[in-house]
C-alpha atoms as a PDB file:
ATOM      1  CA  MET A   1       0.000   0.000   0.000  1.00  0.00           C
ATOM      2  CA  THR A   2       1.405   3.377  -1.037  1.00  0.00           C
ATOM      3  CA  LYS A   3       1.918   5.727   1.909  1.00  0.00           C
ATOM      4  CA  LEU A   4       2.136   9.490   2.199  1.00  0.00           C
ATOM      5  CA  LYS A   5       5.823   8.987   2.977  1.00  0.00           C
ATOM      6  CA  ASP A   6       6.367   7.368  -0.453  1.00  0.00           C
ATOM      7  CA  ILE A   7       4.788  10.356  -2.209  1.00  0.00           C
ATOM      8  CA  ALA A   8       6.785  12.799  -0.067  1.00  0.00           C
ATOM      9  CA  GLU A   9      10.047  11.083  -1.010  1.00  0.00           C
ATOM     10  CA  ARG A  10       9.135  11.052  -4.714  1.00  0.00           C
ATOM     11  CA  VAL A  11       8.338  14.788  -4.780  1.00  0.00           C
ATOM     12  CA  GLY A  12      10.952  15.886  -2.234  1.00  0.00           C
ATOM     13  CA  VAL A  13       8.578  17.497   0.257  1.00  0.00           C
ATOM     14  CA  SER A  14       7.479  16.735   3.828  1.00  0.00           C
ATOM     15  CA  ILE A  15       4.771  14.229   4.744  1.00  0.00           C
ATOM     16  CA  SER A  16       2.809  17.110   6.256  1.00  0.00           C
ATOM     17  CA  THR A  17       2.867  18.940   2.896  1.00  0.00           C
ATOM     18  CA  VAL A  18       1.565  15.839   1.092  1.00  0.00           C
ATOM     19  CA  SER A  19      -1.205  15.464   3.662  1.00  0.00           C
ATOM     20  CA  ARG A  20      -2.259  19.110   3.246  1.00  0.00           C
ATOM     21  CA  ALA A  21      -2.254  18.861  -0.545  1.00  0.00           C
ATOM     22  CA  ILE A  22      -4.291  15.657  -0.700  1.00  0.00           C
ATOM     23  CA  SER A  23      -6.844  16.842   1.884  1.00  0.00           C
ATOM     24  CA  ASN A  24      -7.080  20.311   0.273  1.00  0.00           C
ATOM     25  CA  ASP A  25      -6.319  21.877   3.643  1.00  0.00           C
ATOM     26  CA  ALA A  26      -7.219  25.544   3.170  1.00  0.00           C
ATOM     27  CA  SER A  27      -5.688  26.611   6.486  1.00  0.00           C
ATOM     28  CA  ARG A  28      -2.154  26.019   5.191  1.00  0.00           C
ATOM     29  CA  PRO A  29      -2.487  25.877   1.403  1.00  0.00           C
ATOM     30  CA  VAL A  30       0.092  24.230  -0.824  1.00  0.00           C
ATOM     31  CA  SER A  31       1.109  25.976  -4.034  1.00  0.00           C
ATOM     32  CA  GLU A  32      -0.634  24.761  -7.174  1.00  0.00           C
ATOM     33  CA  GLU A  33       2.681  23.706  -8.705  1.00  0.00           C
ATOM     34  CA  THR A  34       3.589  21.552  -5.703  1.00  0.00           C
ATOM     35  CA  LYS A  35       0.040  20.228  -5.426  1.00  0.00           C
ATOM     36  CA  GLN A  36       0.159  19.130  -9.073  1.00  0.00           C
ATOM     37  CA  LYS A  37       3.473  17.310  -8.543  1.00  0.00           C
ATOM     38  CA  ILE A  38       2.009  15.557  -5.516  1.00  0.00           C
ATOM     39  CA  ARG A  39      -1.088  14.494  -7.459  1.00  0.00           C
ATOM     40  CA  GLU A  40       1.015  13.164 -10.324  1.00  0.00           C
ATOM     41  CA  ALA A  41       3.267  11.233  -7.938  1.00  0.00           C
ATOM     42  CA  ALA A  42       0.234   9.836  -6.119  1.00  0.00           C
ATOM     43  CA  LEU A  43      -1.206   8.643  -9.434  1.00  0.00           C
ATOM     44  CA  GLU A  44       2.093   7.075 -10.528  1.00  0.00           C
ATOM     45  CA  LEU A  45       2.529   5.267  -7.202  1.00  0.00           C
ATOM     46  CA  GLY A  46      -1.046   4.016  -7.138  1.00  0.00           C
ATOM     47  CA  TYR A  47      -2.139   5.993  -4.088  1.00  0.00           C
ATOM     48  CA  LYS A  48      -5.908   5.722  -3.720  1.00  0.00           C
ATOM     49  CA  GLN A  49      -7.394   9.200  -3.511  1.00  0.00           C
ATOM     50  CA  HIS A  50     -10.353   9.733  -1.224  1.00  0.00           C
ATOM     51  CA  GLU A  51     -13.730   9.310  -2.831  1.00  0.00           C
ATOM     52  CA  PRO A  52     -16.846   9.762  -0.699  1.00  0.00           C
ATOM     53  CA  SER A  53     -18.968   6.656  -0.336  1.00  0.00           C
ATOM     54  CA  ARG A  54     -21.962   6.506  -2.642  1.00  0.00           C
ATOM     55  CA  ASN A  55     -24.081   5.853   0.423  1.00  0.00           C
ATOM     56  CA  ALA A  56     -22.656   8.795   2.342  1.00  0.00           C
ATOM     57  CA  ASN A  57     -25.003  11.665   3.050  1.00  0.00           C
ATOM     58  CA  ASP A  58     -23.976  14.659   0.964  1.00  0.00           C
ATOM     59  CA  ASN A  59     -25.301  16.994   3.635  1.00  0.00           C
ATOM     60  CA  ASN A  60     -22.422  18.961   5.126  1.00  0.00           C
ATOM     61  CA  ALA A  61     -23.570  17.856   8.576  1.00  0.00           C
ATOM     62  CA  ALA A  62     -22.500  14.300   7.663  1.00  0.00           C
ATOM     63  CA  ILE A  63     -18.924  15.372   6.964  1.00  0.00           C
ATOM     64  CA  LYS A  64     -16.657  15.298  10.006  1.00  0.00           C
ATOM     65  CA  ARG A  65     -13.396  17.195   9.997  1.00  0.00           C
ATOM     66  CA  ILE A  66     -10.941  15.326  12.184  1.00  0.00           C
ATOM     67  CA  ALA A  67      -7.395  16.400  12.996  1.00  0.00           C
ATOM     68  CA  CYS A  68      -4.731  13.847  13.941  1.00  0.00           C
ATOM     69  CA  ILE A  69      -1.925  15.252  16.069  1.00  0.00           C
ATOM     70  CA  VAL A  70       1.220  13.129  16.175  1.00  0.00           C
ATOM     71  CA  PRO A  71       4.763  13.757  17.454  1.00  0.00           C
ATOM     72  CA  GLN A  72       7.155  14.501  14.562  1.00  0.00           C
ATOM     73  CA  LEU A  73       9.278  11.516  15.570  1.00  0.00           C
ATOM     74  CA  LEU A  74       6.359   9.203  14.794  1.00  0.00           C
ATOM     75  CA  MET A  75       5.531  10.703  11.387  1.00  0.00           C
ATOM     76  CA  ASP A  76       8.459   9.109   9.600  1.00  0.00           C
ATOM     77  CA  ASP A  77       7.196   5.581   8.968  1.00  0.00           C
ATOM     78  CA  HIS A  78       7.445   4.467  12.591  1.00  0.00           C
ATOM     79  CA  PRO A  79       6.872   0.666  12.598  1.00  0.00           C
ATOM     80  CA  TYR A  80       4.106   0.929  15.225  1.00  0.00           C
ATOM     81  CA  PHE A  81       2.351   4.220  14.630  1.00  0.00           C
ATOM     82  CA  SER A  82       2.432   4.135  10.839  1.00  0.00           C
ATOM     83  CA  LYS A  83       0.115   1.106  10.987  1.00  0.00           C
ATOM     84  CA  VAL A  84      -2.179   2.888  13.445  1.00  0.00           C
ATOM     85  CA  LEU A  85      -2.444   5.798  11.000  1.00  0.00           C
ATOM     86  CA  VAL A  86      -3.066   3.498   8.029  1.00  0.00           C
ATOM     87  CA  GLY A  87      -5.936   1.865   9.921  1.00  0.00           C
ATOM     88  CA  PHE A  88      -7.344   5.262  10.899  1.00  0.00           C
ATOM     89  CA  HIS A  89      -7.225   6.683   7.355  1.00  0.00           C
ATOM     90  CA  LYS A  90      -8.696   3.518   5.836  1.00  0.00           C
ATOM     91  CA  LYS A  91     -11.661   3.520   8.201  1.00  0.00           C
ATOM     92  CA  MET A  92     -12.307   7.226   7.573  1.00  0.00           C
ATOM     93  CA  GLU A  93     -12.402   6.464   3.854  1.00  0.00           C
ATOM     94  CA  GLU A  94     -14.838   3.581   4.385  1.00  0.00           C
ATOM     95  CA  LEU A  95     -17.082   5.892   6.419  1.00  0.00           C
ATOM     96  CA  GLY A  96     -17.221   8.335   3.516  1.00  0.00           C
ATOM     97  CA  GLN A  97     -15.255  10.957   5.435  1.00  0.00           C
ATOM     98  CA  PRO A  98     -12.558  13.289   4.093  1.00  0.00           C
ATOM     99  CA  PRO A  99      -8.924  12.527   4.925  1.00  0.00           C
ATOM    100  CA  ALA A 100      -7.896  13.552   8.415  1.00  0.00           C
ATOM    101  CA  ILE A 101      -5.931  16.762   8.835  1.00  0.00           C
ATOM    102  CA  VAL A 102      -2.487  15.738  10.100  1.00  0.00           C
ATOM    103  CA  ARG A 103      -0.365  17.989  12.290  1.00  0.00           C
ATOM    104  CA  THR A 104       2.677  17.329  14.421  1.00  0.00           C
ATOM    105  CA  CYS A 105       2.418  18.287  18.076  1.00  0.00           C
ATOM    106  CA  GLU A 106       5.436  20.529  17.524  1.00  0.00           C
ATOM    107  CA  GLU A 107       3.317  22.588  15.088  1.00  0.00           C
ATOM    108  CA  VAL A 108       0.531  23.174  17.634  1.00  0.00           C
ATOM    109  CA  ASN A 109       2.493  23.295  20.859  1.00  0.00           C
ATOM    110  CA  ASP A 110       0.844  26.305  22.485  1.00  0.00           C
ATOM    111  CA  ALA A 111      -2.659  27.654  23.087  1.00  0.00           C
ATOM    112  CA  GLU A 112      -2.629  30.207  20.280  1.00  0.00           C
ATOM    113  CA  LYS A 113      -1.324  27.799  17.656  1.00  0.00           C
ATOM    114  CA  ILE A 114      -3.878  25.115  18.411  1.00  0.00           C
ATOM    115  CA  ARG A 115      -6.754  27.634  18.474  1.00  0.00           C
ATOM    116  CA  LEU A 116      -5.602  28.947  15.091  1.00  0.00           C
ATOM    117  CA  MET A 117      -5.469  25.434  13.667  1.00  0.00           C
ATOM    118  CA  LEU A 118      -8.971  24.633  14.943  1.00  0.00           C
ATOM    119  CA  ARG A 119     -10.382  27.895  13.614  1.00  0.00           C
ATOM    120  CA  GLU A 120      -8.800  27.611  10.167  1.00  0.00           C
ATOM    121  CA  THR A 121      -9.528  23.913   9.608  1.00  0.00           C
ATOM    122  CA  GLY A 122     -12.929  23.752  11.259  1.00  0.00           C
ATOM    123  CA  ALA A 123     -11.882  20.530  12.976  1.00  0.00           C
ATOM    124  CA  GLN A 124     -14.677  19.113  15.116  1.00  0.00           C
ATOM    125  CA  GLY A 125     -12.553  16.451  16.712  1.00  0.00           C
ATOM    126  CA  ILE A 126      -8.924  15.750  17.521  1.00  0.00           C
ATOM    127  CA  VAL A 127      -7.265  12.350  17.689  1.00  0.00           C
ATOM    128  CA  ALA A 128      -4.104  12.654  19.783  1.00  0.00           C
ATOM    129  CA  ILE A 129      -1.763   9.820  18.846  1.00  0.00           C
ATOM    130  CA  SER A 130       0.870   9.287  21.545  1.00  0.00           C
ATOM    131  CA  TRP A 131       0.670  12.994  22.389  1.00  0.00           C
ATOM    132  CA  TYR A 132      -0.525  14.413  25.685  1.00  0.00           C
ATOM    133  CA  ASP A 133      -0.446  17.950  27.017  1.00  0.00           C
ATOM    134  CA  GLU A 134      -2.654  18.448  30.061  1.00  0.00           C
ATOM    135  CA  GLU A 135      -3.158  22.202  29.626  1.00  0.00           C
ATOM    136  CA  LEU A 136      -3.840  22.042  25.886  1.00  0.00           C
ATOM    137  CA  PHE A 137      -6.216  19.108  26.327  1.00  0.00           C
ATOM    138  CA  GLU A 138      -8.214  21.134  28.845  1.00  0.00           C
ATOM    139  CA  GLN A 139      -8.319  24.089  26.470  1.00  0.00           C
ATOM    140  CA  ILE A 140      -9.478  21.945  23.541  1.00  0.00           C
ATOM    141  CA  GLN A 141     -12.303  20.520  25.633  1.00  0.00           C
ATOM    142  CA  GLN A 142     -13.295  23.971  26.916  1.00  0.00           C
ATOM    143  CA  ASP A 143     -13.517  25.133  23.291  1.00  0.00           C
ATOM    144  CA  GLY A 144     -16.094  22.411  22.645  1.00  0.00           C
ATOM    145  CA  VAL A 145     -13.871  20.214  20.461  1.00  0.00           C
ATOM    146  CA  VAL A 146     -13.994  16.450  21.000  1.00  0.00           C
ATOM    147  CA  ILE A 147     -10.621  14.873  21.788  1.00  0.00           C
ATOM    148  CA  MET A 148      -9.689  11.203  21.792  1.00  0.00           C
ATOM    149  CA  GLY A 149      -6.356   9.667  22.738  1.00  0.00           C
ATOM    150  CA  VAL A 150      -4.728   6.778  20.904  1.00  0.00           C
ATOM    151  CA  SER A 151      -1.964   4.750  22.567  1.00  0.00           C
ATOM    152  CA  LEU A 152      -1.921   7.045  25.578  1.00  0.00           C
ATOM    153  CA  ASN A 153      -1.508   5.766  29.098  1.00  0.00           C
ATOM    154  CA  ASP A 154      -1.319   7.978  32.132  1.00  0.00           C
ATOM    155  CA  GLU A 155      -3.205   8.040  35.413  1.00  0.00           C
ATOM    156  CA  ARG A 156      -4.054  11.736  34.866  1.00  0.00           C
ATOM    157  CA  LEU A 157      -5.863  11.261  31.541  1.00  0.00           C
ATOM    158  CA  THR A 158      -9.358  12.736  31.379  1.00  0.00           C
ATOM    159  CA  VAL A 159     -10.121  11.927  27.723  1.00  0.00           C
ATOM    160  CA  PRO A 160     -11.399   8.748  26.030  1.00  0.00           C
ATOM    161  CA  VAL A 161      -8.614   6.440  24.855  1.00  0.00           C
ATOM    162  CA  VAL A 162      -8.324   3.639  22.311  1.00  0.00           C
ATOM    163  CA  ASP A 163      -5.407   1.329  23.005  1.00  0.00           C
ATOM    164  CA  CYS A 164      -4.499  -2.236  23.928  1.00  0.00           C
ATOM    165  CA  ASP A 165      -4.495  -3.604  27.480  1.00  0.00           C
ATOM    166  CA  ARG A 166      -0.853  -2.923  28.256  1.00  0.00           C
ATOM    167  CA  ILE A 167      -0.983  -3.961  31.910  1.00  0.00           C
ATOM    168  CA  LEU A 168      -2.459  -7.378  31.157  1.00  0.00           C
ATOM    169  CA  SER A 169      -0.171  -7.871  28.148  1.00  0.00           C
ATOM    170  CA  ALA A 170       3.005  -7.023  30.070  1.00  0.00           C
ATOM    171  CA  ARG A 171       1.911  -9.298  32.897  1.00  0.00           C
ATOM    172  CA  ALA A 172       1.392 -12.170  30.426  1.00  0.00           C
ATOM    173  CA  ALA A 173       4.818 -11.592  28.878  1.00  0.00           C
ATOM    174  CA  VAL A 174       6.575 -11.693  32.256  1.00  0.00           C
ATOM    175  CA  ARG A 175       4.576 -14.727  33.358  1.00  0.00           C
ATOM    176  CA  HIS A 176       5.784 -16.472  30.194  1.00  0.00           C
ATOM    177  CA  LEU A 177       9.372 -15.846  31.322  1.00  0.00           C
ATOM    178  CA  ILE A 178       8.556 -17.085  34.827  1.00  0.00           C
ATOM    179  CA  ASP A 179       7.013 -20.230  33.343  1.00  0.00           C
ATOM    180  CA  GLN A 180      10.308 -20.773  31.503  1.00  0.00           C
ATOM    181  CA  GLY A 181      12.023 -20.957  34.904  1.00  0.00           C
ATOM    182  CA  HIS A 182      13.330 -17.390  35.156  1.00  0.00           C
ATOM    183  CA  THR A 183      13.393 -15.622  38.517  1.00  0.00           C
ATOM    184  CA  ARG A 184      15.902 -12.831  37.790  1.00  0.00           C
ATOM    185  CA  ILE A 185      13.998 -10.692  35.297  1.00  0.00           C
ATOM    186  CA  ALA A 186      15.073  -7.165  34.338  1.00  0.00           C
ATOM    187  CA  TYR A 187      12.966  -4.440  32.749  1.00  0.00           C
ATOM    188  CA  ILE A 188      13.699  -1.935  29.983  1.00  0.00           C
ATOM    189  CA  GLY A 189      11.157   0.794  29.320  1.00  0.00           C
ATOM    190  CA  GLY A 190      10.359   4.473  29.596  1.00  0.00           C
ATOM    191  CA  PRO A 191       8.147   6.924  31.455  1.00  0.00           C
ATOM    192  CA  ALA A 192       4.469   7.676  31.159  1.00  0.00           C
ATOM    193  CA  TYR A 193       3.392  11.255  30.449  1.00  0.00           C
ATOM    194  CA  SER A 194       3.771  11.939  34.173  1.00  0.00           C
ATOM    195  CA  LYS A 195       7.531  11.546  33.533  1.00  0.00           C
ATOM    196  CA  GLN A 196       7.649   8.574  35.919  1.00  0.00           C
ATOM    197  CA  MET A 197       8.380   5.061  34.676  1.00  0.00           C
ATOM    198  CA  GLU A 198       6.654   3.608  37.749  1.00  0.00           C
ATOM    199  CA  SER A 199       3.235   4.819  36.542  1.00  0.00           C
ATOM    200  CA  GLU A 200       3.663   3.535  32.963  1.00  0.00           C
ATOM    201  CA  GLU A 201       1.261   0.656  32.288  1.00  0.00           C
ATOM    202  CA  ARG A 202       3.804  -1.834  30.954  1.00  0.00           C
ATOM    203  CA  PHE A 203       5.952  -1.349  34.044  1.00  0.00           C
ATOM    204  CA  VAL A 204       2.851  -1.813  36.223  1.00  0.00           C
ATOM    205  CA  GLY A 205       2.155  -5.123  34.446  1.00  0.00           C
ATOM    206  CA  TYR A 206       5.774  -6.225  34.889  1.00  0.00           C
ATOM    207  CA  LYS A 207       5.716  -5.331  38.582  1.00  0.00           C
ATOM    208  CA  PHE A 208       2.387  -7.071  39.085  1.00  0.00           C
ATOM    209  CA  ALA A 209       3.695 -10.340  37.601  1.00  0.00           C
ATOM    210  CA  MET A 210       6.917 -10.184  39.610  1.00  0.00           C
ATOM    211  CA  LEU A 211       5.214  -9.513  42.940  1.00  0.00           C
ATOM    212  CA  GLU A 212       2.551 -12.110  42.178  1.00  0.00           C
ATOM    213  CA  ALA A 213       5.353 -14.690  41.866  1.00  0.00           C
ATOM    214  CA  ASN A 214       7.159 -13.337  44.972  1.00  0.00           C
ATOM    215  CA  LEU A 215      10.139 -12.307  42.863  1.00  0.00           C
ATOM    216  CA  GLN A 216      12.503  -9.470  43.718  1.00  0.00           C
ATOM    217  CA  LEU A 217      12.572  -6.210  41.757  1.00  0.00           C
ATOM    218  CA  ARG A 218      16.204  -5.139  41.796  1.00  0.00           C
ATOM    219  CA  GLU A 219      16.600  -1.403  41.311  1.00  0.00           C
ATOM    220  CA  GLU A 220      19.707  -1.725  39.137  1.00  0.00           C
ATOM    221  CA  TRP A 221      17.774  -3.998  36.750  1.00  0.00           C
ATOM    222  CA  LEU A 222      15.028  -1.423  36.099  1.00  0.00           C
ATOM    223  CA  MET A 223      16.280   0.567  33.122  1.00  0.00           C
ATOM    224  CA  ASN A 224      14.516   3.808  32.151  1.00  0.00           C
ATOM    225  CA  THR A 225      15.600   4.637  28.598  1.00  0.00           C
ATOM    226  CA  ARG A 226      13.075   7.493  28.136  1.00  0.00           C
ATOM    227  CA  TRP A 227      12.062   5.515  24.998  1.00  0.00           C
ATOM    228  CA  ASN A 228      15.444   6.083  23.349  1.00  0.00           C
ATOM    229  CA  VAL A 229      16.902   3.098  21.477  1.00  0.00           C
ATOM    230  CA  ASP A 230      20.490   4.220  22.023  1.00  0.00           C
ATOM    231  CA  ARG A 231      19.922   4.351  25.769  1.00  0.00           C
ATOM    232  CA  SER A 232      18.499   0.831  25.669  1.00  0.00           C
ATOM    233  CA  PHE A 233      21.757  -0.398  24.162  1.00  0.00           C
ATOM    234  CA  SER A 234      24.000   1.652  26.464  1.00  0.00           C
ATOM    235  CA  LYS A 235      22.132   0.838  29.689  1.00  0.00           C
ATOM    236  CA  MET A 236      22.032  -2.873  28.906  1.00  0.00           C
ATOM    237  CA  SER A 237      25.713  -2.837  27.947  1.00  0.00           C
ATOM    238  CA  GLU A 238      26.621  -0.998  31.128  1.00  0.00           C
ATOM    239  CA  LEU A 239      24.682  -3.451  33.303  1.00  0.00           C
ATOM    240  CA  LEU A 240      26.224  -6.541  31.716  1.00  0.00           C
ATOM    241  CA  GLY A 241      29.694  -5.016  31.565  1.00  0.00           C
ATOM    242  CA  ARG A 242      29.943  -4.334  35.295  1.00  0.00           C
ATOM    243  CA  LEU A 243      28.667  -7.738  36.433  1.00  0.00           C
ATOM    244  CA  PRO A 244      30.173 -11.222  36.127  1.00  0.00           C
ATOM    245  CA  LYS A 245      28.027 -13.387  33.878  1.00  0.00           C
ATOM    246  CA  ALA A 246      26.892 -15.478  36.857  1.00  0.00           C
ATOM    247  CA  GLU A 247      25.185 -12.362  38.283  1.00  0.00           C
ATOM    248  CA  TRP A 248      23.420 -11.253  35.106  1.00  0.00           C
ATOM    249  CA  PRO A 249      19.639 -11.223  34.997  1.00  0.00           C
ATOM    250  CA  THR A 250      18.541 -14.320  33.113  1.00  0.00           C
ATOM    251  CA  ALA A 251      15.706 -12.569  31.308  1.00  0.00           C
ATOM    252  CA  VAL A 252      14.568  -9.081  30.257  1.00  0.00           C
ATOM    253  CA  PHE A 253      11.112  -7.785  29.445  1.00  0.00           C
ATOM    254  CA  CYS A 254      11.293  -4.767  27.127  1.00  0.00           C
ATOM    255  CA  ALA A 255       8.344  -2.374  26.872  1.00  0.00           C
ATOM    256  CA  SER A 256       8.704  -2.207  23.077  1.00  0.00           C
ATOM    257  CA  ASP A 257      10.437  -4.128  20.308  1.00  0.00           C
ATOM    258  CA  MET A 258      12.299  -0.941  19.421  1.00  0.00           C
ATOM    259  CA  LEU A 259      13.966  -1.161  22.858  1.00  0.00           C
ATOM    260  CA  ALA A 260      14.355  -4.945  22.751  1.00  0.00           C
ATOM    261  CA  ILE A 261      16.408  -5.052  19.540  1.00  0.00           C
ATOM    262  CA  PRO A 262      19.297  -2.859  20.801  1.00  0.00           C
ATOM    263  CA  ALA A 263      19.195  -4.766  24.107  1.00  0.00           C
ATOM    264  CA  MET A 264      19.687  -7.995  22.142  1.00  0.00           C
ATOM    265  CA  ARG A 265      22.735  -6.521  20.461  1.00  0.00           C
ATOM    266  CA  ALA A 266      24.127  -5.489  23.850  1.00  0.00           C
ATOM    267  CA  VAL A 267      23.879  -9.091  25.053  1.00  0.00           C
ATOM    268  CA  VAL A 268      25.739 -10.406  22.020  1.00  0.00           C
ATOM    269  CA  GLU A 269      28.469  -7.755  22.224  1.00  0.00           C
ATOM    270  CA  ASN A 270      29.034  -8.710  25.858  1.00  0.00           C
ATOM    271  CA  HIS A 271      29.616 -12.319  24.749  1.00  0.00           C
ATOM    272  CA  GLY A 272      26.222 -13.548  25.897  1.00  0.00           C
ATOM    273  CA  SER A 273      23.828 -15.900  24.124  1.00  0.00           C
ATOM    274  CA  ILE A 274      20.092 -15.446  23.612  1.00  0.00           C
ATOM    275  CA  PRO A 275      18.188 -17.140  25.160  1.00  0.00           C
ATOM    276  CA  GLU A 276      20.739 -19.397  26.889  1.00  0.00           C
ATOM    277  CA  ASP A 277      22.256 -16.576  28.967  1.00  0.00           C
ATOM    278  CA  ILE A 278      19.474 -14.012  28.733  1.00  0.00           C
ATOM    279  CA  ALA A 279      15.976 -14.501  27.353  1.00  0.00           C
ATOM    280  CA  ILE A 280      14.350 -11.409  25.868  1.00  0.00           C
ATOM    281  CA  VAL A 281      10.687 -10.536  25.274  1.00  0.00           C
ATOM    282  CA  GLY A 282       9.487  -7.352  23.555  1.00  0.00           C
ATOM    283  CA  MET A 283       6.157  -5.718  22.899  1.00  0.00           C
ATOM    284  CA  ASP A 284       4.328  -4.520  19.739  1.00  0.00           C
ATOM    285  CA  ASN A 285       5.391  -7.354  17.388  1.00  0.00           C
ATOM    286  CA  ILE A 286       6.643  -4.986  14.709  1.00  0.00           C
ATOM    287  CA  ASP A 287       7.383  -6.629  11.346  1.00  0.00           C
ATOM    288  CA  VAL A 288      11.130  -6.845  11.916  1.00  0.00           C
ATOM    289  CA  ALA A 289      10.704  -8.821  15.188  1.00  0.00           C
ATOM    290  CA  GLN A 290      10.449 -12.097  13.267  1.00  0.00           C
ATOM    291  CA  TYR A 291      13.769 -11.398  11.489  1.00  0.00           C
ATOM    292  CA  THR A 292      16.052 -10.651  14.450  1.00  0.00           C
ATOM    293  CA  THR A 293      18.672 -13.191  15.499  1.00  0.00           C
ATOM    294  CA  PRO A 294      17.187 -15.115  17.189  1.00  0.00           C
ATOM    295  CA  PRO A 295      13.593 -14.166  16.279  1.00  0.00           C
ATOM    296  CA  LEU A 296      12.101 -12.015  19.027  1.00  0.00           C
ATOM    297  CA  THR A 297       9.255 -13.157  21.261  1.00  0.00           C
ATOM    298  CA  SER A 298       6.824 -10.249  21.408  1.00  0.00           C
ATOM    299  CA  VAL A 299       3.345  -9.173  22.429  1.00  0.00           C
ATOM    300  CA  SER A 300       1.343  -8.687  19.234  1.00  0.00           C
ATOM    301  CA  VAL A 301      -0.576  -5.406  19.445  1.00  0.00           C
ATOM    302  CA  PRO A 302      -3.458  -4.875  16.963  1.00  0.00           C
ATOM    303  CA  LYS A 303      -2.043  -1.620  15.585  1.00  0.00           C
ATOM    304  CA  TYR A 304      -4.151  -1.379  12.417  1.00  0.00           C
ATOM    305  CA  GLU A 305      -7.324  -2.238  14.330  1.00  0.00           C
ATOM    306  CA  ILE A 306      -6.578   0.418  16.981  1.00  0.00           C
ATOM    307  CA  GLY A 307      -6.553   3.042  14.224  1.00  0.00           C
ATOM    308  CA  ARG A 308      -9.807   1.759  12.742  1.00  0.00           C
ATOM    309  CA  VAL A 309     -11.603   1.687  16.091  1.00  0.00           C
ATOM    310  CA  ALA A 310     -10.442   5.225  16.877  1.00  0.00           C
ATOM    311  CA  ALA A 311     -11.838   6.529  13.578  1.00  0.00           C
ATOM    312  CA  LYS A 312     -15.174   4.744  13.995  1.00  0.00           C
ATOM    313  CA  SER A 313     -15.539   5.846  17.622  1.00  0.00           C
ATOM    314  CA  ILE A 314     -14.940   9.551  17.073  1.00  0.00           C
ATOM    315  CA  VAL A 315     -17.129   9.720  13.944  1.00  0.00           C
ATOM    316  CA  ASP A 316     -19.958   7.829  15.686  1.00  0.00           C
ATOM    317  CA  TYR A 317     -19.745  10.187  18.641  1.00  0.00           C
ATOM    318  CA  LEU A 318     -19.815  13.294  16.459  1.00  0.00           C
ATOM    319  CA  ASP A 319     -22.818  11.803  14.626  1.00  0.00           C
ATOM    320  CA  GLY A 320     -24.580  11.421  17.964  1.00  0.00           C
ATOM    321  CA  HIS A 321     -24.934   7.658  17.532  1.00  0.00           C
ATOM    322  CA  PHE A 322     -23.096   6.546  20.641  1.00  0.00           C
ATOM    323  CA  PRO A 323     -21.664   8.097  23.798  1.00  0.00           C
ATOM    324  CA  MET A 324     -17.874   8.199  23.867  1.00  0.00           C
ATOM    325  CA  ALA A 325     -16.461   5.253  25.808  1.00  0.00           C
ATOM    326  CA  THR A 326     -13.997   6.153  28.557  1.00  0.00           C
ATOM    327  CA  LYS A 327     -11.523   3.521  27.439  1.00  0.00           C
ATOM    328  CA  ILE A 328     -11.543   0.972  24.626  1.00  0.00           C
ATOM    329  CA  LEU A 329      -8.881  -1.691  25.106  1.00  0.00           C
ATOM    330  CA  LEU A 330      -8.229  -4.178  22.321  1.00  0.00           C
ATOM    331  CA  PRO A 331      -6.815  -7.614  23.189  1.00  0.00           C
ATOM    332  CA  CYS A 332      -3.216  -8.616  22.494  1.00  0.00           C
ATOM    333  CA  SER A 333      -1.534 -11.990  22.061  1.00  0.00           C
ATOM    334  CA  LEU A 334       1.926 -13.272  22.926  1.00  0.00           C
ATOM    335  CA  ILE A 335       3.916 -14.545  19.925  1.00  0.00           C
ATOM    336  CA  ILE A 336       6.547 -16.922  21.276  1.00  0.00           C
ATOM    337  CA  ARG A 337       9.756 -17.179  19.261  1.00  0.00           C
ATOM    338  CA  GLU A 338      13.312 -18.373  19.890  1.00  0.00           C
ATOM    339  CA  SER A 339      14.488 -15.391  21.961  1.00  0.00           C
ATOM    340  CA  SER A 340      12.685 -16.786  25.013  1.00  0.00           C
ATOM    341  CA  SER A 341      12.099 -20.451  24.252  1.00  0.00           C
ATOM    342  CA  PHE A 342      15.025 -21.955  26.195  1.00  0.00           C
ATOM    343  CA  SER A 343      13.688 -23.620  29.342  1.00  0.00           C
ATOM    344  CA  ARG A 344      15.671 -23.578  32.587  1.00  0.00           C
ATOM    345  CA  ILE A 345      13.313 -25.963  34.377  1.00  0.00           C
END
């Protein structure tokens, strides 16, 4: 499936520019010359332009203008969030709705900027994808605009959220390691929006499983990378480098595959074997997880479906069909591969 990123690379413009051109965003218009190049590239690459459903009501009241706000880091074909966005856009198309207006949170990072965006685009709803700003969220709600979070987890959240059950999924992943005979299990993750790793749902699930099995949580084995892949590698390398192999943790649960892959490299570079010395489990089951060496055990998150459910939920709410659910959690499944399959029992 052709993505906005493919068109952007062909024309030599940003993904945001492609999105504005295709959605005919009048608030930040694209020059006719650039718009024509984008249309030609989209045609050449087989990008399916939006066409309203024949069954869609042509009344303007049936058309919902939705803005997706995403961190810039996640706009560039991120292996998790790109699939969420594909699912969201596809469902909007099926519902006969125009393409969502896409903005990075860096573009609307203060009260005046977000008010200007809402006024110029006429957006009736905002889908915040892995972006949370308490003050701006309050302002958006006070201005009468519906806001929904996607892949957000924080105890302070006051908006509806579509996500997977991260606590239950992390607990299942750690219990899998415990069932393999592991008792010394480390954790690699990052903070919630409260800036504390301890309140992040995957850490809560890890802690729950460990305490449930009466296993010790060793402070030096709890690695907060702030979701940075380089820190995952460096922190894991530092831990293994300062300990004799006999004192290594025998397993690690990583809060994402993006953190698990550099941790795997750190094990190998410290002359360890996976899973014989250290078993590793990740989360998200991104496409590359099956191609690591050894293949990575991971929690499979329904990324595409999360995007689809978010689109359906916000459109239904704006149509007045259903009340907005406080939280919609989609189920996950553990995909067991060779990185954790060695039994110590």
